[in-house]
């Protein structure tokens, strides 16, 4: 019983450490993407920091089919491209009218 309690405590501490490693943008968009099939982030003044977080989320997301990122301030889409290498559910991505 004590061993199980210690294991649970260690797992909780690991989760806290992992969350500290995640950027604020990652945690913000992680909640926005959770379980959804469509996300519209049009005209949200997104930056490359947001794009980096979104790219990381795309690597493990298996529900999202449509993502709108048009009309923002994204200049570097490499991280989004990296996320798409392993994502097999996204079928529509709109990046129009970014910097």
C-alpha atoms as a PDB file:
ATOM      1  CA  UNK A   1       0.000   0.000   0.000  1.00  0.00           C
ATOM      2  CA  UNK A   2       2.796   2.405   0.935  1.00  0.00           C
ATOM      3  CA  UNK A   3       4.627   1.518  -2.270  1.00  0.00           C
ATOM      4  CA  UNK A   4       1.564   2.436  -4.357  1.00  0.00           C
ATOM      5  CA  UNK A   5       1.215   5.757  -2.550  1.00  0.00           C
ATOM      6  CA  UNK A   6       4.866   6.574  -3.190  1.00  0.00           C
ATOM      7  CA  UNK A   7       4.506   5.629  -6.859  1.00  0.00           C
ATOM      8  CA  UNK A   8       1.470   7.903  -7.261  1.00  0.00           C
ATOM      9  CA  UNK A   9       3.322  10.770  -5.606  1.00  0.00           C
ATOM     10  CA  UNK A  10       6.301  10.287  -7.932  1.00  0.00           C
ATOM     11  CA  UNK A  11       4.006  10.283 -10.974  1.00  0.00           C
ATOM     12  CA  UNK A  12       2.346  13.492  -9.830  1.00  0.00           C
ATOM     13  CA  UNK A  13       5.736  15.137  -9.349  1.00  0.00           C
ATOM     14  CA  UNK A  14       6.796  14.042 -12.840  1.00  0.00           C
ATOM     15  CA  UNK A  15       3.640  15.605 -14.244  1.00  0.00           C
ATOM     16  CA  UNK A  16       4.413  18.906 -12.490  1.00  0.00           C
ATOM     17  CA  UNK A  17       7.963  18.887 -13.867  1.00  0.00           C
ATOM     18  CA  UNK A  18       6.711  18.132 -17.395  1.00  0.00           C
ATOM     19  CA  UNK A  19       4.140  20.934 -17.191  1.00  0.00           C
ATOM     20  CA  UNK A  20       6.848  23.384 -16.159  1.00  0.00           C
ATOM     21  CA  UNK A  21       8.767  22.472 -19.320  1.00  0.00           C
ATOM     22  CA  UNK A  22       5.771  23.325 -21.492  1.00  0.00           C
ATOM     23  CA  UNK A  23       5.520  26.913 -22.674  1.00  0.00           C
ATOM     24  CA  UNK A  24       2.557  29.061 -21.723  1.00  0.00           C
ATOM     25  CA  UNK A  25       1.509  29.035 -25.382  1.00  0.00           C
ATOM     26  CA  UNK A  26       1.623  25.224 -25.462  1.00  0.00           C
ATOM     27  CA  UNK A  27      -0.586  24.922 -22.393  1.00  0.00           C
ATOM     28  CA  UNK A  28      -3.005  27.536 -23.752  1.00  0.00           C
ATOM     29  CA  UNK A  29      -3.464  25.800 -27.117  1.00  0.00           C
ATOM     30  CA  UNK A  30      -3.435  22.313 -25.588  1.00  0.00           C
ATOM     31  CA  UNK A  31      -6.732  23.164 -23.885  1.00  0.00           C
ATOM     32  CA  UNK A  32      -8.124  24.708 -27.081  1.00  0.00           C
ATOM     33  CA  UNK A  33      -7.352  21.602 -29.191  1.00  0.00           C
ATOM     34  CA  UNK A  34      -8.393  18.940 -26.672  1.00  0.00           C
ATOM     35  CA  UNK A  35     -10.821  16.512 -28.300  1.00  0.00           C
ATOM     36  CA  UNK A  36     -11.936  18.911 -31.030  1.00  0.00           C
ATOM     37  CA  UNK A  37     -12.126  18.144 -34.747  1.00  0.00           C
ATOM     38  CA  UNK A  38     -12.122  21.791 -35.879  1.00  0.00           C
ATOM     39  CA  UNK A  39     -10.298  24.788 -34.420  1.00  0.00           C
ATOM     40  CA  UNK A  40     -10.645  28.304 -35.807  1.00  0.00           C
ATOM     41  CA  UNK A  41      -7.830  30.642 -34.737  1.00  0.00           C
ATOM     42  CA  UNK A  42      -8.398  33.169 -37.513  1.00  0.00           C
ATOM     43  CA  UNK A  43      -7.418  36.750 -36.627  1.00  0.00           C
ATOM     44  CA  UNK A  44      -6.130  35.896 -33.127  1.00  0.00           C
ATOM     45  CA  UNK A  45      -2.834  37.792 -33.544  1.00  0.00           C
ATOM     46  CA  UNK A  46      -0.876  34.529 -33.331  1.00  0.00           C
ATOM     47  CA  UNK A  47       2.911  34.710 -33.445  1.00  0.00           C
ATOM     48  CA  UNK A  48       5.725  32.271 -34.157  1.00  0.00           C
ATOM     49  CA  UNK A  49       5.690  31.251 -30.475  1.00  0.00           C
ATOM     50  CA  UNK A  50       2.092  30.128 -30.929  1.00  0.00           C
ATOM     51  CA  UNK A  51       2.997  28.351 -34.177  1.00  0.00           C
ATOM     52  CA  UNK A  52       5.780  26.480 -32.380  1.00  0.00           C
ATOM     53  CA  UNK A  53       3.360  25.287 -29.697  1.00  0.00           C
ATOM     54  CA  UNK A  54       0.732  24.344 -32.274  1.00  0.00           C
ATOM     55  CA  UNK A  55       3.328  22.363 -34.227  1.00  0.00           C
ATOM     56  CA  UNK A  56       4.201  20.407 -31.088  1.00  0.00           C
ATOM     57  CA  UNK A  57       0.522  19.726 -30.416  1.00  0.00           C
ATOM     58  CA  UNK A  58      -0.047  18.506 -33.954  1.00  0.00           C
ATOM     59  CA  UNK A  59       2.560  15.789 -33.419  1.00  0.00           C
ATOM     60  CA  UNK A  60       0.331  13.961 -30.947  1.00  0.00           C
ATOM     61  CA  UNK A  61      -3.177  15.192 -31.772  1.00  0.00           C
ATOM     62  CA  UNK A  62      -5.410  12.514 -33.271  1.00  0.00           C
ATOM     63  CA  UNK A  63      -8.787  14.280 -33.414  1.00  0.00           C
ATOM     64  CA  UNK A  64      -8.248  17.541 -35.287  1.00  0.00           C
ATOM     65  CA  UNK A  65      -9.255  17.505 -38.957  1.00  0.00           C
ATOM     66  CA  UNK A  66      -9.467  21.248 -39.682  1.00  0.00           C
ATOM     67  CA  UNK A  67      -7.246  24.080 -38.425  1.00  0.00           C
ATOM     68  CA  UNK A  68      -7.605  27.732 -39.430  1.00  0.00           C
ATOM     69  CA  UNK A  69      -4.592  29.930 -38.699  1.00  0.00           C
ATOM     70  CA  UNK A  70      -5.250  32.562 -41.361  1.00  0.00           C
ATOM     71  CA  UNK A  71      -4.900  36.322 -40.859  1.00  0.00           C
ATOM     72  CA  UNK A  72      -2.313  36.206 -38.063  1.00  0.00           C
ATOM     73  CA  UNK A  73       1.326  37.233 -37.556  1.00  0.00           C
ATOM     74  CA  UNK A  74       2.979  33.875 -38.210  1.00  0.00           C
ATOM     75  CA  UNK A  75       6.227  34.089 -40.177  1.00  0.00           C
ATOM     76  CA  UNK A  76       7.812  30.686 -39.483  1.00  0.00           C
ATOM     77  CA  UNK A  77       5.734  27.617 -40.313  1.00  0.00           C
ATOM     78  CA  UNK A  78       8.542  25.057 -40.024  1.00  0.00           C
ATOM     79  CA  UNK A  79       7.279  23.829 -36.647  1.00  0.00           C
ATOM     80  CA  UNK A  80       3.786  23.314 -38.057  1.00  0.00           C
ATOM     81  CA  UNK A  81       5.305  21.361 -40.942  1.00  0.00           C
ATOM     82  CA  UNK A  82       7.238  19.235 -38.458  1.00  0.00           C
ATOM     83  CA  UNK A  83       4.019  18.498 -36.583  1.00  0.00           C
ATOM     84  CA  UNK A  84       2.319  17.420 -39.794  1.00  0.00           C
ATOM     85  CA  UNK A  85       4.985  14.788 -40.447  1.00  0.00           C
ATOM     86  CA  UNK A  86       3.448  12.588 -37.757  1.00  0.00           C
ATOM     87  CA  UNK A  87      -0.129  13.891 -37.712  1.00  0.00           C
ATOM     88  CA  UNK A  88      -2.431  11.739 -39.800  1.00  0.00           C
ATOM     89  CA  UNK A  89      -5.826  13.277 -39.023  1.00  0.00           C
ATOM     90  CA  UNK A  90      -5.548  16.918 -40.162  1.00  0.00           C
ATOM     91  CA  UNK A  91      -7.012  17.283 -43.645  1.00  0.00           C
ATOM     92  CA  UNK A  92      -7.420  21.077 -43.877  1.00  0.00           C
ATOM     93  CA  UNK A  93      -4.952  23.749 -42.802  1.00  0.00           C
ATOM     94  CA  UNK A  94      -5.421  27.445 -43.634  1.00  0.00           C
ATOM     95  CA  UNK A  95      -2.328  29.653 -43.265  1.00  0.00           C
ATOM     96  CA  UNK A  96      -3.403  32.403 -45.681  1.00  0.00           C
ATOM     97  CA  UNK A  97      -2.655  36.069 -44.999  1.00  0.00           C
ATOM     98  CA  UNK A  98       0.152  35.660 -42.506  1.00  0.00           C
ATOM     99  CA  UNK A  99       3.440  37.524 -42.548  1.00  0.00           C
END
